[in-house]
Each structure stands twice: as structure tokens, then as C-alpha cells.
Amino acid sequence: MAQREQVQRVNDNCNRLPSLETVRDRLREFAAVRDWNQFHTPKNLAIALSVEAGELLEEFQWLTDQESIALPVHKCERIKAEIADVLLYLIRLADVLDLDLITAANTKIDANAEKYPIDKSHGSAKKYTEL
């Protein structure tokens, strides 16, 4: 049993995905070597994040719900690139503001669980103020 657990841990280490911290550190280095930190103010990063989110939204503009579910490969590649842009700016903004994204996300999920109790919100798209 112990040997099996050891093997599992080795496999987990081999398959581990990069962490947000790893991506954050790469972004820090990317900006630093280009002397871009001077431009990475919270305001500028929030604007850039919004622009990239708009570009992501543009990929879905005029699609039906069904078309948005069954995307062709070329469209998926463009969406993947836009999602990456959104994620990178979000990570960079959180870093500049010294915010822990995982903690913030978990706190928000907890708050949403309070606002949307299962017994009132199950199967409903109503806003919490309308439940």
C-alpha cells in the first residue's frame, strides 16, 4: 500500500499543472525585462482586462446558443487565445494590487452560496434579490 501511495505521488508530480504563482512570476519577469512595470498601473491593467474580455465576447457575437456550444476548431483556437489574454491580465492586476486570486475566488464562492441557497436557486436564473 505504501509503495502504491509513493507511485501515486510521483505521478502527481509529473502531471502537475503550472500554478497561478508560476504564471504570475513569468508575467513579472516578462514585464520587468521590457521595462513595462511603469505602464502596469491598476487602472491600465483593468482597462486592458476589459478590452480583452470584449475581444472574447466578440468571438461569440451573433452566434446562437447552439453554435456557441458546437464551435469549430479555428474558432476554439481564437477563443482560447482571448481567454488566455483575460487570464494573464487578471493575474497581473491581482499581482500589482497584491491580491491572492485563489483566496478572493473562494471568498466570492462562499458569498454566492449565501446569496443563492440551493433550495431557492436550484434551476433558476433569477438574481438573488428576486429569489
Protein backbone atom coordinates (compact mmCIF):
# COMPACT_ATOMS: atom_id res chain seq x y z
CA MET A 1 0.00 0.00 0.00
CA ALA A 2 2.79 2.45 0.91
CA GLN A 3 4.55 1.69 -2.35
CA ARG A 4 1.34 2.40 -4.26
CA GLU A 5 0.94 5.76 -2.49
CA GLN A 6 4.56 6.59 -3.34
CA VAL A 7 3.95 5.83 -7.01
CA GLN A 8 0.80 7.96 -6.97
CA ARG A 9 2.74 10.92 -5.51
CA VAL A 10 5.43 10.56 -8.19
CA ASN A 11 2.77 10.52 -10.91
CA ASP A 12 1.07 13.54 -9.37
CA ASN A 13 4.36 15.44 -9.51
CA CYS A 14 4.89 14.53 -13.15
CA ASN A 15 1.41 15.65 -14.15
CA ARG A 16 1.25 18.80 -12.06
CA LEU A 17 -0.02 21.82 -13.95
CA PRO A 18 1.69 25.21 -13.58
CA SER A 19 0.32 27.17 -10.65
CA LEU A 20 -1.04 30.70 -10.72
CA GLU A 21 2.12 31.69 -8.86
CA THR A 22 4.28 30.28 -11.67
CA VAL A 23 2.32 32.22 -14.27
CA ARG A 24 2.41 35.35 -12.07
CA ASP A 25 6.20 35.07 -11.78
CA ARG A 26 6.57 34.65 -15.54
CA LEU A 27 4.42 37.75 -16.07
CA ARG A 28 6.51 39.72 -13.57
CA GLU A 29 9.68 38.79 -15.43
CA PHE A 30 8.08 39.46 -18.83
CA ALA A 31 7.09 42.99 -17.76
CA ALA A 32 10.32 43.73 -15.89
CA VAL A 33 12.73 42.89 -18.72
CA ARG A 34 10.70 45.08 -21.08
CA ASP A 35 10.50 47.95 -18.56
CA TRP A 36 6.71 47.77 -18.69
CA ASN A 37 6.05 47.98 -14.95
CA GLN A 38 5.77 51.75 -15.39
CA PHE A 39 2.66 51.11 -17.52
CA HIS A 40 1.16 48.38 -15.36
CA THR A 41 -0.89 50.56 -13.06
CA PRO A 42 -4.12 49.08 -11.71
CA LYS A 43 -6.14 51.43 -13.93
CA ASN A 44 -4.26 50.47 -17.09
CA LEU A 45 -4.41 46.76 -16.30
CA ALA A 46 -8.15 46.94 -15.54
CA ILE A 47 -8.73 48.70 -18.86
CA ALA A 48 -6.64 46.12 -20.71
CA LEU A 49 -8.55 43.32 -18.96
CA SER A 50 -11.85 44.85 -20.05
CA VAL A 51 -10.63 45.23 -23.64
CA GLU A 52 -9.54 41.60 -23.76
CA ALA A 53 -12.85 40.47 -22.23
CA GLY A 54 -14.56 42.43 -25.01
CA GLU A 55 -12.46 40.63 -27.61
CA LEU A 56 -13.50 37.32 -26.07
CA LEU A 57 -17.14 38.38 -26.20
CA GLU A 58 -16.72 39.40 -29.83
CA GLU A 59 -15.91 35.77 -30.71
CA PHE A 60 -19.44 34.83 -29.57
CA GLN A 61 -21.25 37.79 -31.08
CA TRP A 62 -24.16 36.76 -33.30
CA LEU A 63 -23.78 33.05 -32.56
CA THR A 64 -26.82 31.11 -31.46
CA ASP A 65 -26.63 29.27 -28.14
CA GLN A 66 -26.25 26.01 -30.07
CA GLU A 67 -23.45 27.43 -32.26
CA SER A 68 -21.61 28.59 -29.13
CA ILE A 69 -21.70 25.03 -27.79
CA ALA A 70 -20.50 23.35 -31.00
CA LEU A 71 -17.62 25.59 -32.02
CA PRO A 72 -15.37 24.77 -34.98
CA VAL A 73 -11.70 24.19 -34.19
CA HIS A 74 -10.49 27.50 -35.66
CA LYS A 75 -12.98 29.40 -33.50
CA CYS A 76 -11.92 27.44 -30.39
CA GLU A 77 -8.31 28.43 -31.00
CA ARG A 78 -9.21 32.13 -31.17
CA ILE A 79 -11.35 31.82 -28.04
CA LYS A 80 -8.54 30.03 -26.23
CA ALA A 81 -6.16 32.89 -27.07
CA GLU A 82 -8.66 35.51 -25.82
CA ILE A 83 -9.32 33.57 -22.62
CA ALA A 84 -5.57 33.43 -22.06
CA ASP A 85 -5.32 37.20 -22.53
CA VAL A 86 -8.09 37.75 -19.97
CA LEU A 87 -6.44 35.38 -17.51
CA LEU A 88 -3.00 36.97 -17.92
CA TYR A 89 -4.28 40.49 -17.35
CA LEU A 90 -6.33 39.31 -14.37
CA ILE A 91 -3.29 37.63 -12.81
CA ARG A 92 -1.15 40.71 -13.45
CA LEU A 93 -3.77 43.07 -11.99
CA ALA A 94 -4.13 40.93 -8.87
CA ASP A 95 -0.34 40.86 -8.51
CA VAL A 96 0.00 44.64 -8.79
CA LEU A 97 -2.78 45.04 -6.21
CA ASP A 98 -1.20 42.33 -4.01
CA LEU A 99 -4.37 40.23 -4.05
CA ASP A 100 -4.50 36.45 -3.76
CA LEU A 101 -6.77 35.32 -6.59
CA ILE A 102 -7.49 31.89 -5.12
CA THR A 103 -8.49 33.36 -1.75
CA ALA A 104 -10.61 36.03 -3.46
CA ALA A 105 -12.32 33.42 -5.64
CA ASN A 106 -13.07 31.13 -2.71
CA THR A 107 -14.40 34.05 -0.68
CA LYS A 108 -16.67 35.01 -3.58
CA ILE A 109 -17.93 31.43 -3.99
CA ASP A 110 -18.78 31.38 -0.28
CA ALA A 111 -20.61 34.71 -0.59
CA ASN A 112 -22.53 33.44 -3.63
CA ALA A 113 -23.52 30.30 -1.73
CA GLU A 114 -25.09 32.55 0.89
CA LYS A 115 -26.87 34.67 -1.71
CA TYR A 116 -28.05 31.67 -3.71
CA PRO A 117 -29.16 28.92 -1.32
CA ILE A 118 -29.81 25.67 -3.15
CA ASP A 119 -33.40 25.39 -2.02
CA LYS A 120 -34.25 28.78 -3.55
CA SER A 121 -31.94 28.95 -6.55
CA HIS A 122 -31.85 25.39 -7.91
CA GLY A 123 -32.72 25.50 -11.61
CA SER A 124 -33.39 29.24 -11.53
CA ALA A 125 -31.61 32.03 -13.39
CA LYS A 126 -33.10 34.70 -11.16
CA LYS A 127 -30.85 37.17 -9.39
CA TYR A 128 -30.54 36.64 -5.63
CA THR A 129 -32.67 39.72 -4.97
CA GLU A 130 -35.56 38.06 -6.84
CA LEU A 131 -35.44 34.64 -5.15
